[in-house]
């Protein structure tokens, strides 16, 4: 369910963890260690989305910092 949620919503690990009420480390462990054993194809789809999120992380951080200091 966790992997399908990430794929359908193209969400971040943090957002998925919040939605399912678990920690980010639990999401990482489930996706990176447990999922490949059960469904390799699903794992590859999720990993692709998480790689894109990781590449965009610095951009989101800069936007959040800008909003913080502008008082938004």
N, C-alpha and C. Protein backbone atom coordinates (compact mmCIF):
# COMPACT_ATOMS: atom_id res chain seq x y z
N UNK A 1 0.83 -1.19 0.00
CA UNK A 1 0.00 0.00 0.00
C UNK A 1 0.87 1.26 0.00
N UNK A 2 1.93 1.20 0.76
CA UNK A 2 2.84 2.34 0.86
C UNK A 2 3.47 2.66 -0.49
N UNK A 3 3.95 1.65 -1.18
CA UNK A 3 4.58 1.85 -2.48
C UNK A 3 3.56 2.37 -3.51
N UNK A 4 2.37 1.83 -3.50
CA UNK A 4 1.35 2.29 -4.44
C UNK A 4 0.96 3.74 -4.16
N UNK A 5 0.92 4.13 -2.89
CA UNK A 5 0.61 5.51 -2.53
C UNK A 5 1.68 6.46 -3.08
N UNK A 6 2.94 6.08 -2.92
CA UNK A 6 4.03 6.92 -3.42
C UNK A 6 3.96 7.04 -4.94
N UNK A 7 3.67 5.96 -5.62
CA UNK A 7 3.60 5.98 -7.09
C UNK A 7 2.40 6.81 -7.57
N UNK A 8 1.24 6.57 -7.01
CA UNK A 8 0.03 7.27 -7.45
C UNK A 8 0.09 8.76 -7.21
N UNK A 9 0.67 9.17 -6.07
CA UNK A 9 0.68 10.58 -5.70
C UNK A 9 2.02 11.26 -5.95
N UNK A 10 3.02 10.48 -6.40
CA UNK A 10 4.36 11.00 -6.62
C UNK A 10 4.82 11.80 -5.42
N UNK A 11 4.64 11.23 -4.26
CA UNK A 11 4.87 11.92 -3.00
C UNK A 11 6.27 11.65 -2.46
N UNK A 12 6.65 12.40 -1.45
CA UNK A 12 7.94 12.23 -0.80
C UNK A 12 7.83 11.18 0.31
N UNK A 13 8.97 10.75 0.79
CA UNK A 13 9.01 9.79 1.90
C UNK A 13 8.34 10.41 3.13
N UNK A 14 8.62 11.66 3.38
CA UNK A 14 8.06 12.35 4.55
C UNK A 14 6.53 12.39 4.49
N UNK A 15 5.99 12.72 3.31
CA UNK A 15 4.54 12.79 3.15
C UNK A 15 3.90 11.40 3.29
N UNK A 16 4.55 10.39 2.75
CA UNK A 16 4.03 9.03 2.85
C UNK A 16 4.05 8.55 4.31
N UNK A 17 5.13 8.88 5.01
CA UNK A 17 5.23 8.49 6.42
C UNK A 17 4.12 9.15 7.24
N UNK A 18 3.87 10.41 6.97
CA UNK A 18 2.82 11.13 7.69
C UNK A 18 1.45 10.53 7.40
N UNK A 19 1.19 10.21 6.14
CA UNK A 19 -0.09 9.64 5.73
C UNK A 19 -0.37 8.30 6.42
N UNK A 20 0.66 7.45 6.53
CA UNK A 20 0.48 6.12 7.11
C UNK A 20 0.80 6.06 8.60
N UNK A 21 1.22 7.17 9.18
CA UNK A 21 1.48 7.22 10.61
C UNK A 21 2.69 6.42 11.05
N UNK A 22 3.72 6.40 10.22
CA UNK A 22 4.97 5.71 10.55
C UNK A 22 6.13 6.69 10.39
N UNK A 23 7.32 6.27 10.80
CA UNK A 23 8.48 7.14 10.69
C UNK A 23 9.06 7.08 9.27
N UNK A 24 9.88 8.08 8.95
CA UNK A 24 10.54 8.10 7.64
C UNK A 24 11.47 6.91 7.50
N UNK A 25 12.13 6.53 8.60
CA UNK A 25 13.05 5.39 8.52
C UNK A 25 12.30 4.09 8.24
N UNK A 26 11.07 3.96 8.74
CA UNK A 26 10.25 2.79 8.45
C UNK A 26 9.91 2.74 6.97
N UNK A 27 9.56 3.89 6.41
CA UNK A 27 9.24 3.95 4.99
C UNK A 27 10.47 3.54 4.17
N UNK A 28 11.63 4.09 4.52
CA UNK A 28 12.86 3.75 3.80
C UNK A 28 13.15 2.26 3.89
N UNK A 29 13.03 1.70 5.08
CA UNK A 29 13.33 0.28 5.25
C UNK A 29 12.34 -0.58 4.46
N UNK A 30 11.07 -0.24 4.53
CA UNK A 30 10.06 -1.00 3.78
C UNK A 30 10.31 -0.94 2.28
N UNK A 31 10.64 0.24 1.79
CA UNK A 31 10.83 0.42 0.35
C UNK A 31 12.15 -0.19 -0.12
N UNK A 32 13.23 0.06 0.59
CA UNK A 32 14.54 -0.36 0.09
C UNK A 32 14.91 -1.79 0.42
N UNK A 33 14.40 -2.35 1.52
CA UNK A 33 14.80 -3.70 1.92
C UNK A 33 13.70 -4.75 1.75
N UNK A 34 12.50 -4.42 2.12
CA UNK A 34 11.42 -5.41 2.10
C UNK A 34 10.73 -5.52 0.75
N UNK A 35 10.46 -4.40 0.11
CA UNK A 35 9.72 -4.41 -1.15
C UNK A 35 10.42 -5.18 -2.27
N UNK A 36 11.74 -5.04 -2.45
CA UNK A 36 12.39 -5.79 -3.54
C UNK A 36 12.24 -7.30 -3.43
N UNK A 37 12.08 -7.80 -2.23
CA UNK A 37 11.91 -9.24 -2.02
C UNK A 37 10.54 -9.72 -2.49
N UNK A 38 9.55 -8.85 -2.40
CA UNK A 38 8.18 -9.23 -2.73
C UNK A 38 7.77 -8.86 -4.15
N UNK A 39 8.15 -7.66 -4.58
CA UNK A 39 7.70 -7.18 -5.90
C UNK A 39 8.78 -6.26 -6.48
N UNK A 40 9.66 -6.84 -7.25
CA UNK A 40 10.79 -6.11 -7.82
C UNK A 40 10.34 -4.98 -8.76
N UNK A 41 9.33 -5.24 -9.57
CA UNK A 41 8.85 -4.23 -10.52
C UNK A 41 8.30 -3.01 -9.80
N UNK A 42 7.54 -3.23 -8.75
CA UNK A 42 6.98 -2.12 -7.97
C UNK A 42 8.10 -1.34 -7.29
N UNK A 43 9.09 -2.06 -6.80
CA UNK A 43 10.24 -1.42 -6.17
C UNK A 43 10.95 -0.48 -7.14
N UNK A 44 11.15 -0.92 -8.37
CA UNK A 44 11.84 -0.10 -9.36
C UNK A 44 11.05 1.17 -9.69
N UNK A 45 9.73 1.07 -9.71
CA UNK A 45 8.90 2.25 -9.96
C UNK A 45 9.02 3.25 -8.81
N UNK A 46 8.97 2.75 -7.60
CA UNK A 46 9.06 3.63 -6.43
C UNK A 46 10.44 4.26 -6.35
N UNK A 47 11.46 3.47 -6.61
CA UNK A 47 12.84 3.98 -6.54
C UNK A 47 13.04 5.13 -7.53
N UNK A 48 12.43 5.01 -8.70
CA UNK A 48 12.54 6.07 -9.71
C UNK A 48 11.95 7.38 -9.19
N UNK A 49 10.80 7.31 -8.56
CA UNK A 49 10.15 8.50 -8.01
C UNK A 49 10.99 9.09 -6.88
N UNK A 50 11.52 8.23 -6.02
CA UNK A 50 12.32 8.72 -4.89
C UNK A 50 13.63 9.34 -5.37
N UNK A 51 14.19 8.86 -6.45
CA UNK A 51 15.40 9.47 -7.01
C UNK A 51 15.11 10.88 -7.53
N UNK A 52 13.96 11.05 -8.17
CA UNK A 52 13.56 12.38 -8.64
C UNK A 52 13.38 13.31 -7.44
N UNK A 53 12.71 12.83 -6.41
CA UNK A 53 12.51 13.63 -5.20
C UNK A 53 13.84 14.02 -4.58
N UNK A 54 14.77 13.09 -4.55
CA UNK A 54 16.08 13.36 -3.97
C UNK A 54 16.82 14.43 -4.78
N UNK A 55 16.70 14.37 -6.09
CA UNK A 55 17.35 15.36 -6.95
C UNK A 55 16.75 16.75 -6.78
N UNK A 56 15.47 16.81 -6.44
CA UNK A 56 14.78 18.10 -6.28
C UNK A 56 14.81 18.62 -4.85
N UNK A 57 15.36 17.85 -3.95
CA UNK A 57 15.33 18.20 -2.52
C UNK A 57 15.95 19.56 -2.23
N UNK A 58 17.07 19.87 -2.83
CA UNK A 58 17.74 21.14 -2.56
C UNK A 58 16.90 22.32 -3.04
N UNK A 59 16.13 22.12 -4.09
CA UNK A 59 15.27 23.19 -4.59
C UNK A 59 14.13 23.47 -3.60
N UNK A 60 13.49 22.39 -3.13
CA UNK A 60 12.41 22.55 -2.15
C UNK A 60 12.91 23.20 -0.87
N UNK A 61 14.12 22.86 -0.45
CA UNK A 61 14.70 23.46 0.75
C UNK A 61 14.91 24.95 0.59
N UNK A 62 15.37 25.36 -0.59
CA UNK A 62 15.57 26.78 -0.85
C UNK A 62 14.27 27.55 -0.87
N UNK A 63 13.24 26.96 -1.42
CA UNK A 63 11.92 27.60 -1.45
C UNK A 63 11.38 27.75 -0.04
N UNK A 64 11.52 26.72 0.78
CA UNK A 64 11.05 26.78 2.16
C UNK A 64 11.79 27.85 2.95
N UNK A 65 13.09 27.96 2.74
CA UNK A 65 13.88 28.98 3.43
C UNK A 65 13.45 30.36 3.01
N UNK A 66 13.21 30.57 1.72
CA UNK A 66 12.78 31.86 1.21
C UNK A 66 11.44 32.26 1.85
N UNK A 67 10.51 31.31 1.92
CA UNK A 67 9.20 31.59 2.53
C UNK A 67 9.35 31.93 4.00
N UNK A 68 10.23 31.23 4.68
CA UNK A 68 10.45 31.46 6.11
C UNK A 68 10.89 32.88 6.36
N UNK A 69 11.86 33.35 5.60
CA UNK A 69 12.41 34.69 5.84
C UNK A 69 11.58 35.80 5.25
N UNK A 70 10.67 35.48 4.35
CA UNK A 70 9.75 36.50 3.84
C UNK A 70 8.50 36.58 4.72
N UNK A 71 8.34 35.66 5.63
CA UNK A 71 7.21 35.67 6.53
C UNK A 71 5.95 35.11 5.93
N UNK A 72 6.07 34.23 4.95
CA UNK A 72 4.89 33.65 4.29
C UNK A 72 4.42 32.45 5.03
